C-alpha atoms as a PDB file:
ATOM      1  CA  MET A   1     340.191 113.014  99.374  1.00  0.00           C
ATOM      2  CA  LYS A   2     343.737 111.910 100.196  1.00  0.00           C
ATOM      3  CA  ARG A   3     345.275 113.265 103.491  1.00  0.00           C
ATOM      4  CA  ALA A   4     348.409 112.686 105.334  1.00  0.00           C
ATOM      5  CA  PHE A   5     348.515 113.496 109.050  1.00  0.00           C
ATOM      6  CA  THR A   6     352.118 114.326 109.911  1.00  0.00           C
ATOM      7  CA  ASN A   7     354.282 115.871 112.664  1.00  0.00           C
ATOM      8  CA  CYS A   8     352.581 113.984 115.388  1.00  0.00           C
ATOM      9  CA  THR A   9     353.205 111.219 117.964  1.00  0.00           C
ATOM     10  CA  ILE A  10     351.173 108.090 117.048  1.00  0.00           C
ATOM     11  CA  LEU A  11     349.622 105.956 119.733  1.00  0.00           C
ATOM     12  CA  ASP A  12     348.278 102.679 118.113  1.00  0.00           C
ATOM     13  CA  GLY A  13     346.324 101.332 121.022  1.00  0.00           C
ATOM     14  CA  THR A  14     348.273  97.990 121.373  1.00  0.00           C
ATOM     15  CA  GLU A  15     348.810  96.408 124.686  1.00  0.00           C
ATOM     16  CA  HIS A  16     352.396  97.397 124.794  1.00  0.00           C
ATOM     17  CA  MET A  17     352.025 100.514 122.913  1.00  0.00           C
ATOM     18  CA  THR A  18     355.048 102.493 122.196  1.00  0.00           C
ATOM     19  CA  PRO A  19     354.689 106.073 121.029  1.00  0.00           C
ATOM     20  CA  LYS A  20     355.891 106.474 117.312  1.00  0.00           C
ATOM     21  CA  SER A  21     357.206 109.742 116.023  1.00  0.00           C
ATOM     22  CA  GLY A  22     358.436 110.492 112.491  1.00  0.00           C
ATOM     23  CA  MET A  23     355.583 108.546 110.758  1.00  0.00           C
ATOM     24  CA  SER A  24     352.491 109.787 109.004  1.00  0.00           C
ATOM     25  CA  VAL A  25     348.928 108.248 108.920  1.00  0.00           C
ATOM     26  CA  LEU A  26     347.469 108.247 105.351  1.00  0.00           C
ATOM     27  CA  THR A  27     343.800 108.372 104.789  1.00  0.00           C
ATOM     28  CA  GLU A  28     341.661 107.994 101.631  1.00  0.00           C
ATOM     29  CA  ASP A  29     338.076 109.219 101.699  1.00  0.00           C
ATOM     30  CA  GLY A  30     338.251 109.136 105.640  1.00  0.00           C
ATOM     31  CA  ILE A  31     339.593 105.600 105.952  1.00  0.00           C
ATOM     32  CA  ILE A  32     343.228 104.796 107.035  1.00  0.00           C
ATOM     33  CA  SER A  33     344.999 103.302 104.185  1.00  0.00           C
ATOM     34  CA  ASP A  34     348.580 103.251 105.580  1.00  0.00           C
ATOM     35  CA  ILE A  35     351.193 104.561 108.197  1.00  0.00           C
ATOM     36  CA  VAL A  36     354.470 105.594 106.603  1.00  0.00           C
ATOM     37  CA  PRO A  37     357.671 107.442 107.568  1.00  0.00           C
ATOM     38  CA  ASP A  38     357.231 111.148 107.110  1.00  0.00           C
ATOM     39  CA  SER A  39     359.721 111.156 104.198  1.00  0.00           C
ATOM     40  CA  GLU A  40     357.782 108.434 102.174  1.00  0.00           C
ATOM     41  CA  ILE A  41     354.402 110.457 101.902  1.00  0.00           C
ATOM     42  CA  PRO A  42     353.191 109.640  98.321  1.00  0.00           C
ATOM     43  CA  SER A  43     352.358 112.630  96.081  1.00  0.00           C
ATOM     44  CA  GLY A  44     348.776 113.652  95.797  1.00  0.00           C
ATOM     45  CA  PHE A  45     348.277 113.655  99.553  1.00  0.00           C
ATOM     46  CA  GLU A  46     347.157 116.790 101.318  1.00  0.00           C
ATOM     47  CA  ILE A  47     349.522 117.427 104.217  1.00  0.00           C
ATOM     48  CA  ILE A  48     347.829 118.037 107.680  1.00  0.00           C
ATOM     49  CA  ASP A  49     350.655 119.116 110.014  1.00  0.00           C
ATOM     50  CA  LEU A  50     349.307 118.334 113.631  1.00  0.00           C
ATOM     51  CA  GLU A  51     351.856 120.424 115.388  1.00  0.00           C
ATOM     52  CA  LYS A  52     353.385 117.757 117.651  1.00  0.00           C
ATOM     53  CA  ARG A  53     349.989 116.651 118.940  1.00  0.00           C
ATOM     54  CA  TYR A  54     349.145 113.007 119.581  1.00  0.00           C
ATOM     55  CA  LEU A  55     347.301 110.996 117.207  1.00  0.00           C
ATOM     56  CA  LEU A  56     345.301 107.764 118.030  1.00  0.00           C
ATOM     57  CA  PRO A  57     344.107 106.193 114.810  1.00  0.00           C
ATOM     58  CA  GLY A  58     341.164 104.011 115.019  1.00  0.00           C
ATOM     59  CA  LEU A  59     340.489 104.639 118.648  1.00  0.00           C
ATOM     60  CA  ILE A  60     337.202 106.119 119.618  1.00  0.00           C
ATOM     61  CA  ASN A  61     336.967 106.303 123.364  1.00  0.00           C
ATOM     62  CA  LEU A  62     340.368 106.654 125.380  1.00  0.00           C
ATOM     63  CA  HIS A  63     338.562 106.981 128.812  1.00  0.00           C
ATOM     64  CA  VAL A  64     336.909 103.548 129.310  1.00  0.00           C
ATOM     65  CA  HIS A  65     337.059 101.744 132.617  1.00  0.00           C
ATOM     66  CA  LEU A  66     336.951  98.027 131.924  1.00  0.00           C
ATOM     67  CA  ALA A  67     336.771  95.198 134.275  1.00  0.00           C
ATOM     68  CA  GLY A  68     339.847  93.240 135.258  1.00  0.00           C
ATOM     69  CA  SER A  69     339.322  90.821 132.408  1.00  0.00           C
ATOM     70  CA  GLY A  70     339.148  93.662 129.911  1.00  0.00           C
ATOM     71  CA  LYS A  71     335.445  93.013 129.115  1.00  0.00           C
ATOM     72  CA  PRO A  72     332.738  95.268 129.920  1.00  0.00           C
ATOM     73  CA  LYS A  73     330.221  94.075 132.524  1.00  0.00           C
ATOM     74  CA  LYS A  74     326.583  94.837 132.858  1.00  0.00           C
ATOM     75  CA  LYS A  75     325.788  97.491 135.524  1.00  0.00           C
ATOM     76  CA  PRO A  76     323.397  96.217 138.264  1.00  0.00           C
ATOM     77  CA  LEU A  77     319.848  97.549 137.839  1.00  0.00           C
END
């Protein structure tokens, strides 16, 4: 199934992340295949209007507390 998630603000999770609008995330069978301008969505994609919500493609847990090095540490027993 091909879907285009549009009308959203994309946060890509990079270190100096800049919110991106006017872009759509394309998926094919549940896997991200591309990020394109809204005006360039190929035919054959079901349009999913996210109604100006935020989209964080590929990110699973946004509420993680990491150590200063950015690497998780074991909790003491």
